[in-house]
């Protein structure tokens, strides 16, 4: 039986060569490598993965859109590299999808941001489990079995590499129950098992709030004194439009679950599943614990303050830009202001 090398003493260059060799052994893997090439994304294997969303913790990987670089940490061996290669590649596709969306205040709202991060990470991990399953099925690798064991995830306790073995076991249980026929159901089961992983949920709740401060909040601060900037105009208009966080979440879930379906990846959420799935994920808000809970409350208050500021700024700008009223001709009354 084929066994990927899983030495913890590989240099980054050795790990990268072995990873790419493993990925290229399947049609699925080659399709993902081609996708990254088309997107202009460079794979960088290094022990210095940039902190995830500024969280200051070590992660198994990270995608930096501004750099077009997909970072992977070789520590932990090639089995985990397979998982994080797929996980981060899914993030590339997710973020491409996000670029096609219209400006929405729901995406800036702290709860919306937290749910979006949670969904992205759940989806990326479910996809990674499926990728490793496909790799094992096609090559005879024991990587899936290895990652189903808790010990495979306990090399770096200071990291976001929470024990993902339960996701693998949930996938396998659902797959076996279906007689090996329902891969979509197995992916969905893996995604939902993510919610029961307290270490993952806590880590990404905190990471989401740090990301909101670095991203959405910083953007709001940067344009707070420029009512005429495109950002300020768009935000003021968007915040006046009722923003449905749940609706945005459901749309994203539908889009994410169908990513890479053109190369045979199961779309694990059908239309009837979406609302129930969203409830399960968003009910996870009750699992927000400290310090993320205080951060979420503060962010919610700050968002409300920003919304009031931007709409007030837009109203003042509109008032100063009203056209001057023409003098009334003799024998006519001035028109009443609208």
Protein backbone atom coordinates (compact mmCIF):
# COMPACT_ATOMS: atom_id res chain seq x y z
CA UNK A 1 0.00 0.00 0.00
CA UNK A 2 1.29 3.44 -0.93
CA UNK A 3 2.32 5.57 2.06
CA UNK A 4 3.19 9.28 1.76
CA UNK A 5 6.35 10.21 3.59
CA UNK A 6 5.36 11.81 6.85
CA UNK A 7 8.67 12.74 8.43
CA UNK A 8 8.61 15.70 10.81
CA UNK A 9 12.23 16.48 9.90
CA UNK A 10 11.76 17.54 6.28
CA UNK A 11 13.20 20.80 5.06
CA UNK A 12 10.61 23.10 3.47
CA UNK A 13 12.05 22.33 0.01
CA UNK A 14 11.83 18.57 0.62
CA UNK A 15 8.29 18.89 1.97
CA UNK A 16 7.20 20.95 -1.04
CA UNK A 17 8.60 18.40 -3.52
CA UNK A 18 6.90 15.52 -1.73
CA UNK A 19 3.61 17.38 -1.38
CA UNK A 20 3.44 18.36 -5.06
CA UNK A 21 4.36 14.82 -6.08
CA UNK A 22 1.52 13.44 -3.95
CA UNK A 23 -1.03 15.99 -5.16
CA UNK A 24 -0.14 15.33 -8.81
CA UNK A 25 -0.88 11.61 -8.47
CA UNK A 26 -4.63 12.13 -8.88
CA UNK A 27 -6.69 13.88 -11.56
CA UNK A 28 -8.39 15.86 -8.78
CA UNK A 29 -5.05 17.05 -7.42
CA UNK A 30 -3.78 18.02 -10.85
CA UNK A 31 -6.97 19.99 -11.47
CA UNK A 32 -6.40 21.96 -8.26
CA UNK A 33 -2.79 22.69 -9.20
CA UNK A 34 -3.98 23.89 -12.61
CA UNK A 35 -6.59 26.09 -10.91
CA UNK A 36 -3.96 27.74 -8.71
CA UNK A 37 -1.77 28.33 -11.73
CA UNK A 38 -4.66 29.95 -13.61
CA UNK A 39 -5.29 32.22 -10.62
CA UNK A 40 -1.62 33.19 -10.48
CA UNK A 41 -1.26 31.79 -6.94
CA UNK A 42 2.19 30.69 -5.75
CA UNK A 43 2.60 27.84 -3.24
CA UNK A 44 5.10 28.71 -0.51
CA UNK A 45 6.14 25.98 1.96
CA UNK A 46 7.69 27.64 5.00
CA UNK A 47 7.78 27.42 8.77
CA UNK A 48 7.06 31.17 8.85
CA UNK A 49 3.40 31.14 7.84
CA UNK A 50 2.03 34.68 8.37
CA UNK A 51 -0.29 34.93 11.41
CA UNK A 52 -3.88 34.11 10.49
CA UNK A 53 -5.90 37.35 10.49
CA UNK A 54 -3.44 38.79 12.95
CA UNK A 55 -4.32 36.19 15.56
CA UNK A 56 -0.67 35.74 16.49
CA UNK A 57 -0.93 31.96 16.40
CA UNK A 58 0.75 29.38 14.22
CA UNK A 59 -1.44 27.87 11.50
CA UNK A 60 -1.02 24.95 9.14
CA UNK A 61 -1.45 27.31 6.22
CA UNK A 62 -2.76 30.64 5.06
CA UNK A 63 -3.82 32.30 1.82
CA UNK A 64 -2.86 35.94 1.35
CA UNK A 65 -4.91 37.39 -1.53
CA UNK A 66 -2.90 40.61 -1.67
CA UNK A 67 0.27 38.58 -2.28
CA UNK A 68 -1.32 35.80 -4.33
CA UNK A 69 0.57 33.35 -2.12
CA UNK A 70 -0.66 30.14 -0.51
CA UNK A 71 1.48 29.43 2.55
CA UNK A 72 1.88 25.93 4.02
CA UNK A 73 3.80 24.87 7.14
CA UNK A 74 5.78 21.63 6.60
CA UNK A 75 5.92 20.79 10.30
CA UNK A 76 3.66 17.83 10.97
CA UNK A 77 4.46 15.98 7.79
CA UNK A 78 3.04 15.43 4.34
CA UNK A 79 -0.29 14.00 5.50
CA UNK A 80 -1.24 17.27 7.13
CA UNK A 81 0.23 19.19 4.20
CA UNK A 82 -2.28 17.40 1.95
CA UNK A 83 -5.10 18.59 4.21
CA UNK A 84 -3.94 22.20 4.38
CA UNK A 85 -3.09 22.35 0.68
CA UNK A 86 -6.73 21.52 -0.08
CA UNK A 87 -8.04 23.75 2.75
CA UNK A 88 -6.17 26.82 1.50
CA UNK A 89 -6.97 26.11 -2.15
CA UNK A 90 -10.65 26.14 -1.18
CA UNK A 91 -10.08 29.57 0.38
CA UNK A 92 -8.69 30.82 -2.93
CA UNK A 93 -11.92 29.76 -4.65
CA UNK A 94 -14.08 31.17 -1.85
CA UNK A 95 -12.41 34.56 -2.07
CA UNK A 96 -12.77 34.62 -5.85
CA UNK A 97 -16.48 34.05 -5.28
CA UNK A 98 -16.59 36.88 -2.74
CA UNK A 99 -15.08 39.29 -5.27
CA UNK A 100 -18.18 38.84 -7.44
CA UNK A 101 -20.58 40.00 -4.73
CA UNK A 102 -22.25 43.38 -4.55
CA UNK A 103 -21.38 45.71 -1.67
CA UNK A 104 -23.53 44.76 1.33
CA UNK A 105 -23.67 46.13 4.85
CA UNK A 106 -24.37 42.59 6.03
CA UNK A 107 -20.79 41.68 5.11
CA UNK A 108 -19.52 44.51 7.36
CA UNK A 109 -21.82 43.75 10.28
CA UNK A 110 -19.83 41.90 12.99
CA UNK A 111 -22.21 38.95 13.29
CA UNK A 112 -22.24 38.63 9.52
CA UNK A 113 -18.45 38.63 9.46
CA UNK A 114 -18.23 36.03 12.22
CA UNK A 115 -20.69 33.73 10.45
CA UNK A 116 -18.87 34.21 7.14
CA UNK A 117 -15.52 33.22 8.67
CA UNK A 118 -17.13 30.24 10.39
CA UNK A 119 -18.72 29.12 7.12
CA UNK A 120 -15.50 29.55 5.15
CA UNK A 121 -13.49 27.50 7.63
CA UNK A 122 -16.11 24.76 7.94
CA UNK A 123 -16.38 24.50 4.19
CA UNK A 124 -12.61 24.52 3.67
CA UNK A 125 -12.10 21.73 6.20
CA UNK A 126 -14.94 19.61 4.78
CA UNK A 127 -13.41 20.04 1.33
CA UNK A 128 -9.96 19.09 2.65
CA UNK A 129 -11.33 15.91 4.22
CA UNK A 130 -12.93 15.00 0.89
CA UNK A 131 -9.66 15.73 -0.94
CA UNK A 132 -7.66 13.43 1.37
CA UNK A 133 -10.39 10.76 1.04
CA UNK A 134 -10.20 11.00 -2.76
CA UNK A 135 -6.40 10.85 -2.65
CA UNK A 136 -6.47 7.73 -0.46
CA UNK A 137 -9.07 6.05 -2.67
CA UNK A 138 -7.14 6.76 -5.87
CA UNK A 139 -3.59 6.09 -4.65
CA UNK A 140 -3.95 3.62 -1.78
CA UNK A 141 -2.44 6.18 0.60
CA UNK A 142 -3.06 5.76 4.32
CA UNK A 143 -3.18 9.55 4.83
CA UNK A 144 -6.93 9.49 5.53
CA UNK A 145 -6.51 6.79 8.19
CA UNK A 146 -3.60 8.67 9.76
CA UNK A 147 -5.53 11.95 9.95
CA UNK A 148 -8.48 10.11 11.52
CA UNK A 149 -6.30 9.57 14.59
CA UNK A 150 -6.04 12.30 17.23
CA UNK A 151 -2.26 11.96 17.54
CA UNK A 152 -1.78 13.29 14.00
CA UNK A 153 -2.99 16.73 15.11
CA UNK A 154 -1.10 17.19 18.38
CA UNK A 155 2.33 18.28 17.24
CA UNK A 156 1.84 22.04 17.62
CA UNK A 157 -0.38 22.82 20.62
CA UNK A 158 0.07 26.60 20.22
CA UNK A 159 -1.59 26.61 16.82
CA UNK A 160 -4.97 26.73 15.12
CA UNK A 161 -4.29 23.15 14.09
CA UNK A 162 -7.07 21.88 16.31
CA UNK A 163 -7.73 18.16 16.37
CA UNK A 164 -9.57 17.60 13.08
CA UNK A 165 -9.70 13.82 13.50
CA UNK A 166 -13.42 14.02 14.45
CA UNK A 167 -14.14 15.55 11.03
CA UNK A 168 -12.48 12.59 9.32
CA UNK A 169 -14.33 10.13 11.51
CA UNK A 170 -17.67 11.86 10.88
CA UNK A 171 -17.04 11.75 7.12
CA UNK A 172 -16.15 8.05 7.24
CA UNK A 173 -19.15 7.14 9.42
CA UNK A 174 -21.59 8.79 7.02
CA UNK A 175 -19.80 7.36 3.98
CA UNK A 176 -19.84 3.83 5.43
CA UNK A 177 -23.48 4.13 6.48
CA UNK A 178 -24.39 4.88 2.87
CA UNK A 179 -22.44 1.91 1.61
CA UNK A 180 -19.79 4.20 0.19
CA UNK A 181 -22.30 5.91 -2.11
CA UNK A 182 -23.13 9.25 -0.46
CA UNK A 183 -20.00 11.39 -0.67
CA UNK A 184 -22.04 14.60 -0.47
CA UNK A 185 -23.68 13.45 2.75
CA UNK A 186 -20.26 12.54 4.14
CA UNK A 187 -18.94 16.03 3.35
CA UNK A 188 -21.95 17.62 5.04
CA UNK A 189 -21.42 15.45 8.13
CA UNK A 190 -17.77 16.53 8.27
CA UNK A 191 -18.82 20.19 8.01
CA UNK A 192 -21.28 19.85 10.87
CA UNK A 193 -18.71 17.99 12.98
CA UNK A 194 -16.65 21.19 12.73
CA UNK A 195 -19.24 22.95 14.92
CA UNK A 196 -18.78 20.38 17.66
CA UNK A 197 -15.04 21.00 17.76
CA UNK A 198 -14.77 23.58 20.54
CA UNK A 199 -11.10 24.33 19.87
CA UNK A 200 -11.80 25.16 16.23
CA UNK A 201 -14.91 27.20 17.03
CA UNK A 202 -13.19 29.20 19.77
CA UNK A 203 -10.05 29.84 17.73
CA UNK A 204 -11.92 31.07 14.67
CA UNK A 205 -14.44 33.12 16.67
CA UNK A 206 -11.53 35.05 18.11
CA UNK A 207 -9.78 35.18 14.74
CA UNK A 208 -12.96 36.49 13.09
CA UNK A 209 -13.22 39.39 15.52
CA UNK A 210 -9.55 40.26 15.10
CA UNK A 211 -10.09 40.13 11.36
CA UNK A 212 -13.12 42.42 11.62
CA UNK A 213 -11.03 45.02 13.46
CA UNK A 214 -8.22 44.81 10.92
CA UNK A 215 -10.49 44.79 7.90
CA UNK A 216 -14.03 46.17 8.12
CA UNK A 217 -13.45 48.47 11.08
CA UNK A 218 -10.22 49.86 9.67
CA UNK A 219 -11.99 50.57 6.41
CA UNK A 220 -14.73 52.44 8.25
CA UNK A 221 -12.13 54.51 10.12
CA UNK A 222 -10.15 55.27 6.97
CA UNK A 223 -13.13 56.90 5.23
CA UNK A 224 -14.85 58.46 8.25
CA UNK A 225 -13.93 62.02 7.22
CA UNK A 226 -14.49 61.72 3.49
CA UNK A 227 -18.19 61.78 2.70
CA UNK A 228 -17.49 61.90 -1.03
CA UNK A 229 -15.35 58.77 -1.23
CA UNK A 230 -16.91 55.88 -3.17
CA UNK A 231 -16.61 53.74 -0.02
CA UNK A 232 -18.48 56.25 2.15
CA UNK A 233 -21.24 56.68 -0.41
CA UNK A 234 -21.62 52.92 -0.91
CA UNK A 235 -21.63 52.16 2.80
CA UNK A 236 -24.16 54.89 3.65
CA UNK A 237 -26.47 53.61 0.94
CA UNK A 238 -26.01 49.97 1.90
CA UNK A 239 -26.57 50.52 5.60
CA UNK A 240 -29.92 52.20 4.84
CA UNK A 241 -31.01 49.10 2.94
CA UNK A 242 -32.32 46.36 5.24
CA UNK A 243 -29.44 43.91 5.41
CA UNK A 244 -30.30 40.27 5.90
CA UNK A 245 -27.33 38.56 7.54
CA UNK A 246 -29.09 35.18 7.38
CA UNK A 247 -29.90 35.65 3.70
CA UNK A 248 -26.32 36.58 2.88
CA UNK A 249 -25.12 33.58 4.83
CA UNK A 250 -27.45 31.19 2.96
CA UNK A 251 -26.33 32.60 -0.40
CA UNK A 252 -22.70 32.09 0.55
CA UNK A 253 -23.35 28.56 1.78
CA UNK A 254 -24.98 27.69 -1.55
CA UNK A 255 -22.08 29.16 -3.51
CA UNK A 256 -19.35 27.59 -1.42
CA UNK A 257 -20.82 24.09 -1.35
CA UNK A 258 -20.88 23.99 -5.15
CA UNK A 259 -17.27 25.14 -5.68
CA UNK A 260 -15.26 22.78 -7.91
CA UNK A 261 -18.39 20.80 -8.80
CA UNK A 262 -17.18 21.10 -12.40
CA UNK A 263 -14.32 18.71 -11.56
CA UNK A 264 -16.48 16.22 -9.69
CA UNK A 265 -16.50 17.57 -6.12
CA UNK A 266 -19.90 16.87 -4.54
CA UNK A 267 -22.23 19.81 -3.95
CA UNK A 268 -23.01 18.84 -0.38
CA UNK A 269 -25.91 21.23 0.23
CA UNK A 270 -29.03 20.97 -1.91
CA UNK A 271 -31.65 23.72 -1.93
CA UNK A 272 -33.78 22.02 0.71
CA UNK A 273 -30.78 21.76 3.07
CA UNK A 274 -29.71 25.38 3.02
CA UNK A 275 -32.09 26.96 5.54
CA UNK A 276 -31.67 24.15 8.07
CA UNK A 277 -27.90 24.20 7.61
CA UNK A 278 -27.82 27.95 8.17
CA UNK A 279 -29.80 27.59 11.40
CA UNK A 280 -27.35 24.99 12.68
CA UNK A 281 -24.34 27.14 11.91
CA UNK A 282 -25.78 30.46 13.09
CA UNK A 283 -27.11 28.90 16.28
CA UNK A 284 -23.46 28.29 17.01
CA UNK A 285 -23.42 31.95 18.05
CA UNK A 286 -24.27 30.63 21.49
CA UNK A 287 -20.82 29.04 21.44
CA UNK A 288 -19.06 32.41 21.31
CA UNK A 289 -16.98 32.52 24.49
CA UNK A 290 -14.51 34.98 25.96
CA UNK A 291 -12.54 36.81 24.75
CA UNK A 292 -14.43 36.69 21.44
CA UNK A 293 -17.79 37.40 23.14
CA UNK A 294 -16.71 40.78 24.51
CA UNK A 295 -15.03 41.57 21.19
CA UNK A 296 -18.28 40.76 19.35
CA UNK A 297 -20.36 43.00 21.64
CA UNK A 298 -17.91 45.90 21.28
CA UNK A 299 -17.78 45.45 17.52
CA UNK A 300 -21.58 45.47 17.31
CA UNK A 301 -21.72 48.76 19.23
CA UNK A 302 -18.99 50.28 17.08
CA UNK A 303 -20.72 49.20 13.89
CA UNK A 304 -23.94 50.93 15.01
CA UNK A 305 -21.96 54.11 15.76
CA UNK A 306 -20.29 53.95 12.35
CA UNK A 307 -23.60 53.40 10.57
CA UNK A 308 -25.09 56.47 12.24
CA UNK A 309 -21.99 58.52 11.41
CA UNK A 310 -21.93 57.55 7.73
CA UNK A 311 -25.64 58.11 7.15
CA UNK A 312 -25.45 61.46 8.94
CA UNK A 313 -22.44 62.43 6.85
CA UNK A 314 -24.31 61.48 3.65
CA UNK A 315 -27.33 63.56 4.71
CA UNK A 316 -25.15 66.63 5.29
CA UNK A 317 -23.45 66.19 1.94
CA UNK A 318 -26.80 65.89 0.19
CA UNK A 319 -28.07 69.03 1.89
CA UNK A 320 -25.10 71.08 0.69
CA UNK A 321 -25.46 69.81 -2.86
CA UNK A 322 -29.13 70.77 -3.40
CA UNK A 323 -29.40 72.96 -6.50
CA UNK A 324 -30.12 76.64 -5.84
CA UNK A 325 -33.75 77.53 -6.44
CA UNK A 326 -34.36 79.74 -9.48
CA UNK A 327 -35.96 83.13 -8.71
CA UNK A 328 -39.72 83.13 -9.27
CA UNK A 329 -40.94 84.92 -12.34
CA UNK A 330 -43.26 87.87 -11.80
CA UNK A 331 -46.79 86.67 -11.16
CA UNK A 332 -45.70 83.26 -9.84
CA UNK A 333 -45.17 81.89 -6.35
CA UNK A 334 -41.97 80.03 -5.59
CA UNK A 335 -42.48 76.28 -5.63
CA UNK A 336 -42.70 74.67 -2.26
CA UNK A 337 -39.69 72.63 -1.31
CA UNK A 338 -40.21 68.93 -1.90
